[in-house]
Amino acid sequence: MRAGARAAVVAVIGLLACRLCAGAEPPAYPSATPVRHNSLKVCNQQADAKKLSGAARTQFVKHCQSETVGAPAPAPAAAAPATQAAR
């Protein structure tokens, strides 16, 4: 092969490789949409609807605000007495 033909073959292979790379899927990036959490107002309205008060209400509102919008809220658990581990 002559030097000119060899250079042409290398150029064609390079173009094909670039074309294959361009057709590949781009790398995955994190979503540009920020995660939305429930507002205090929404959580207080839900606590009012459930007629919660005291520690149960505080716990519910705190958990509600940490959830993302659209996620179902768990039912509040019955207050269990706190126990200390034996030392």
N, C-alpha and C. Protein backbone atom coordinates (compact mmCIF):
# COMPACT_ATOMS: atom_id res chain seq x y z
N MET A 1 0.83 -1.18 0.00
CA MET A 1 0.00 0.00 0.00
C MET A 1 0.87 1.24 0.00
N ARG A 2 0.41 2.22 -0.70
CA ARG A 2 1.14 3.48 -0.70
C ARG A 2 0.80 4.27 0.56
N ALA A 3 1.59 5.25 0.87
CA ALA A 3 1.40 6.07 2.07
C ALA A 3 0.09 6.83 2.01
N GLY A 4 -0.31 7.32 0.82
CA GLY A 4 -1.57 8.05 0.68
C GLY A 4 -2.77 7.16 0.91
N ALA A 5 -2.71 5.93 0.41
CA ALA A 5 -3.81 4.98 0.58
C ALA A 5 -3.92 4.56 2.05
N ARG A 6 -2.76 4.39 2.66
CA ARG A 6 -2.74 4.00 4.07
C ARG A 6 -3.36 5.10 4.92
N ALA A 7 -3.05 6.33 4.65
CA ALA A 7 -3.61 7.47 5.38
C ALA A 7 -5.11 7.57 5.17
N ALA A 8 -5.59 7.25 3.96
CA ALA A 8 -7.02 7.29 3.67
C ALA A 8 -7.76 6.21 4.46
N VAL A 9 -7.16 5.02 4.53
CA VAL A 9 -7.78 3.93 5.30
C VAL A 9 -7.86 4.30 6.78
N VAL A 10 -6.80 4.88 7.31
CA VAL A 10 -6.79 5.29 8.72
C VAL A 10 -7.84 6.37 8.95
N ALA A 11 -7.99 7.30 8.02
CA ALA A 11 -8.98 8.37 8.16
C ALA A 11 -10.40 7.80 8.14
N VAL A 12 -10.66 6.84 7.26
CA VAL A 12 -11.99 6.23 7.18
C VAL A 12 -12.30 5.49 8.48
N ILE A 13 -11.34 4.75 8.98
CA ILE A 13 -11.55 4.03 10.25
C ILE A 13 -11.80 5.03 11.38
N GLY A 14 -11.07 6.13 11.39
CA GLY A 14 -11.28 7.15 12.41
C GLY A 14 -12.66 7.76 12.33
N LEU A 15 -13.14 8.05 11.11
CA LEU A 15 -14.49 8.59 10.94
C LEU A 15 -15.56 7.61 11.40
N LEU A 16 -15.38 6.34 11.08
CA LEU A 16 -16.35 5.33 11.52
C LEU A 16 -16.37 5.22 13.04
N ALA A 17 -15.20 5.28 13.66
CA ALA A 17 -15.13 5.19 15.12
C ALA A 17 -15.82 6.40 15.75
N CYS A 18 -15.61 7.58 15.18
CA CYS A 18 -16.27 8.78 15.71
C CYS A 18 -17.78 8.69 15.56
N ARG A 19 -18.21 8.14 14.46
CA ARG A 19 -19.64 8.00 14.22
C ARG A 19 -20.27 7.02 15.20
N LEU A 20 -19.56 5.95 15.51
CA LEU A 20 -20.07 4.98 16.48
C LEU A 20 -20.17 5.60 17.86
N CYS A 21 -19.17 6.40 18.23
CA CYS A 21 -19.18 7.05 19.54
C CYS A 21 -20.30 8.09 19.63
N ALA A 22 -20.55 8.79 18.54
CA ALA A 22 -21.59 9.81 18.54
C ALA A 22 -22.97 9.18 18.66
N GLY A 23 -23.14 7.96 18.17
CA GLY A 23 -24.43 7.27 18.22
C GLY A 23 -24.70 6.63 19.58
N ALA A 24 -23.68 6.52 20.40
CA ALA A 24 -23.85 5.90 21.71
C ALA A 24 -24.67 6.82 22.61
N GLU A 25 -25.31 6.23 23.60
CA GLU A 25 -26.11 7.02 24.53
C GLU A 25 -25.20 7.89 25.39
N PRO A 26 -25.63 9.10 25.69
CA PRO A 26 -24.81 9.95 26.55
C PRO A 26 -24.79 9.40 27.98
N PRO A 27 -23.79 9.74 28.76
CA PRO A 27 -23.75 9.24 30.14
C PRO A 27 -24.94 9.76 30.95
N ALA A 28 -25.36 8.96 31.90
CA ALA A 28 -26.50 9.33 32.73
C ALA A 28 -26.08 10.42 33.72
N TYR A 29 -26.86 11.47 33.80
CA TYR A 29 -26.63 12.55 34.73
C TYR A 29 -27.79 12.60 35.72
N PRO A 30 -27.56 13.12 36.92
CA PRO A 30 -28.66 13.23 37.87
C PRO A 30 -29.76 14.14 37.31
N SER A 31 -30.94 13.91 37.76
CA SER A 31 -32.08 14.68 37.31
C SER A 31 -31.91 16.15 37.66
N ALA A 32 -32.29 17.00 36.72
CA ALA A 32 -32.21 18.44 36.96
C ALA A 32 -33.39 18.91 37.81
N THR A 33 -34.39 18.06 37.98
CA THR A 33 -35.56 18.42 38.76
C THR A 33 -35.24 18.24 40.25
N PRO A 34 -35.36 19.28 41.06
CA PRO A 34 -35.07 19.14 42.48
C PRO A 34 -36.14 18.29 43.17
N VAL A 35 -35.74 17.63 44.23
CA VAL A 35 -36.67 16.82 45.02
C VAL A 35 -37.52 17.76 45.85
N ARG A 36 -38.83 17.61 45.76
CA ARG A 36 -39.73 18.47 46.53
C ARG A 36 -40.23 17.71 47.75
N HIS A 37 -40.17 18.37 48.89
CA HIS A 37 -40.66 17.80 50.14
C HIS A 37 -41.96 18.50 50.52
N ASN A 38 -42.74 17.83 51.35
CA ASN A 38 -43.98 18.43 51.82
C ASN A 38 -43.69 19.67 52.66
N SER A 39 -44.55 20.67 52.53
CA SER A 39 -44.38 21.90 53.30
C SER A 39 -44.97 21.72 54.70
N LEU A 40 -44.59 22.59 55.59
CA LEU A 40 -45.10 22.55 56.96
C LEU A 40 -46.61 22.74 56.96
N LYS A 41 -47.10 23.60 56.09
CA LYS A 41 -48.54 23.86 56.03
C LYS A 41 -49.31 22.59 55.65
N VAL A 42 -48.81 21.88 54.64
CA VAL A 42 -49.48 20.65 54.20
C VAL A 42 -49.43 19.60 55.30
N CYS A 43 -48.29 19.47 55.95
CA CYS A 43 -48.14 18.47 57.02
C CYS A 43 -49.04 18.79 58.22
N ASN A 44 -49.16 20.07 58.57
CA ASN A 44 -50.05 20.45 59.67
C ASN A 44 -51.50 20.18 59.31
N GLN A 45 -51.88 20.42 58.06
CA GLN A 45 -53.26 20.12 57.64
C GLN A 45 -53.54 18.62 57.75
N GLN A 46 -52.56 17.80 57.36
CA GLN A 46 -52.74 16.35 57.48
C GLN A 46 -52.83 15.93 58.94
N ALA A 47 -52.02 16.53 59.79
CA ALA A 47 -52.06 16.21 61.23
C ALA A 47 -53.40 16.62 61.82
N ASP A 48 -53.93 17.79 61.40
CA ASP A 48 -55.25 18.22 61.86
C ASP A 48 -56.33 17.23 61.44
N ALA A 49 -56.24 16.76 60.20
CA ALA A 49 -57.23 15.81 59.69
C ALA A 49 -57.20 14.50 60.47
N LYS A 50 -56.02 14.12 60.94
CA LYS A 50 -55.88 12.88 61.72
C LYS A 50 -56.11 13.11 63.20
N LYS A 51 -56.36 14.38 63.57
CA LYS A 51 -56.61 14.74 64.98
C LYS A 51 -55.45 14.32 65.88
N LEU A 52 -54.22 14.59 65.43
CA LEU A 52 -53.04 14.25 66.23
C LEU A 52 -52.67 15.41 67.14
N SER A 53 -52.08 15.09 68.28
CA SER A 53 -51.62 16.13 69.20
C SER A 53 -50.40 15.62 69.95
N GLY A 54 -49.67 16.54 70.55
CA GLY A 54 -48.53 16.19 71.38
C GLY A 54 -47.38 15.60 70.60
N ALA A 55 -46.75 14.58 71.20
CA ALA A 55 -45.57 13.96 70.61
C ALA A 55 -45.90 13.25 69.30
N ALA A 56 -47.09 12.65 69.22
CA ALA A 56 -47.48 11.96 67.99
C ALA A 56 -47.58 12.94 66.83
N ARG A 57 -48.12 14.14 67.10
CA ARG A 57 -48.22 15.16 66.05
C ARG A 57 -46.84 15.64 65.62
N THR A 58 -45.98 15.91 66.60
CA THR A 58 -44.63 16.36 66.30
C THR A 58 -43.89 15.35 65.44
N GLN A 59 -43.98 14.08 65.82
CA GLN A 59 -43.32 13.02 65.08
C GLN A 59 -43.90 12.91 63.66
N PHE A 60 -45.21 13.00 63.54
CA PHE A 60 -45.86 12.90 62.23
C PHE A 60 -45.43 14.04 61.32
N VAL A 61 -45.43 15.27 61.84
CA VAL A 61 -45.07 16.44 61.03
C VAL A 61 -43.61 16.35 60.60
N LYS A 62 -42.73 15.93 61.51
CA LYS A 62 -41.32 15.80 61.17
C LYS A 62 -41.13 14.76 60.06
N HIS A 63 -41.81 13.62 60.19
CA HIS A 63 -41.71 12.57 59.17
C HIS A 63 -42.34 13.03 57.86
N CYS A 64 -43.45 13.73 57.95
CA CYS A 64 -44.16 14.22 56.76
C CYS A 64 -43.26 15.17 55.97
N GLN A 65 -42.56 16.06 56.64
CA GLN A 65 -41.71 17.02 55.96
C GLN A 65 -40.49 16.37 55.32
N SER A 66 -40.06 15.22 55.84
CA SER A 66 -38.90 14.56 55.26
C SER A 66 -39.26 13.73 54.03
N GLU A 67 -40.54 13.48 53.82
CA GLU A 67 -40.97 12.69 52.66
C GLU A 67 -41.00 13.54 51.41
N THR A 68 -40.90 12.87 50.27
CA THR A 68 -41.04 13.57 49.01
C THR A 68 -42.51 13.71 48.68
N VAL A 69 -42.83 14.71 47.87
CA VAL A 69 -44.22 14.98 47.50
C VAL A 69 -44.76 13.79 46.72
N GLY A 70 -45.94 13.34 47.07
CA GLY A 70 -46.59 12.24 46.37
C GLY A 70 -46.39 10.90 47.05
N ALA A 71 -45.46 10.79 47.98
CA ALA A 71 -45.25 9.53 48.69
C ALA A 71 -46.31 9.39 49.78
N PRO A 72 -46.86 8.20 49.97
CA PRO A 72 -47.88 8.01 50.99
C PRO A 72 -47.29 8.11 52.39
N ALA A 73 -48.04 8.69 53.30
CA ALA A 73 -47.59 8.83 54.69
C ALA A 73 -47.98 7.58 55.46
N PRO A 74 -47.07 7.06 56.29
CA PRO A 74 -47.41 5.88 57.09
C PRO A 74 -48.34 6.26 58.23
N ALA A 75 -49.10 5.29 58.70
CA ALA A 75 -49.99 5.52 59.84
C ALA A 75 -49.13 5.67 61.09
N PRO A 76 -49.48 6.59 61.98
CA PRO A 76 -48.67 6.76 63.19
C PRO A 76 -48.77 5.52 64.07
N ALA A 77 -47.63 5.11 64.59
CA ALA A 77 -47.59 3.92 65.45
C ALA A 77 -48.05 4.30 66.86
N ALA A 78 -48.58 3.33 67.55
CA ALA A 78 -49.00 3.55 68.93
C ALA A 78 -47.77 3.86 69.77
N ALA A 79 -47.92 4.77 70.68
CA ALA A 79 -46.77 5.17 71.52
C ALA A 79 -46.39 4.02 72.43
N ALA A 80 -45.18 3.53 72.27
CA ALA A 80 -44.69 2.43 73.10
C ALA A 80 -43.87 3.04 74.23
N PRO A 81 -43.94 2.47 75.42
CA PRO A 81 -43.15 3.02 76.52
C PRO A 81 -41.65 2.84 76.24
N ALA A 82 -40.92 3.89 76.57
CA ALA A 82 -39.46 3.84 76.35
C ALA A 82 -38.84 2.96 77.42
N THR A 83 -37.94 2.10 76.99
CA THR A 83 -37.27 1.22 77.94
C THR A 83 -35.77 1.43 77.80
N GLN A 84 -35.07 1.32 78.92
CA GLN A 84 -33.62 1.43 78.90
C GLN A 84 -33.04 0.04 78.90
N ALA A 85 -31.97 -0.11 78.18
CA ALA A 85 -31.29 -1.40 78.16
C ALA A 85 -30.56 -1.59 79.50
N ALA A 86 -30.52 -2.82 79.97
CA ALA A 86 -29.83 -3.12 81.23
C ALA A 86 -28.34 -2.94 81.04
N ARG A 87 -27.73 -2.30 81.98
CA ARG A 87 -26.29 -2.06 81.87
C ARG A 87 -25.51 -3.06 82.63
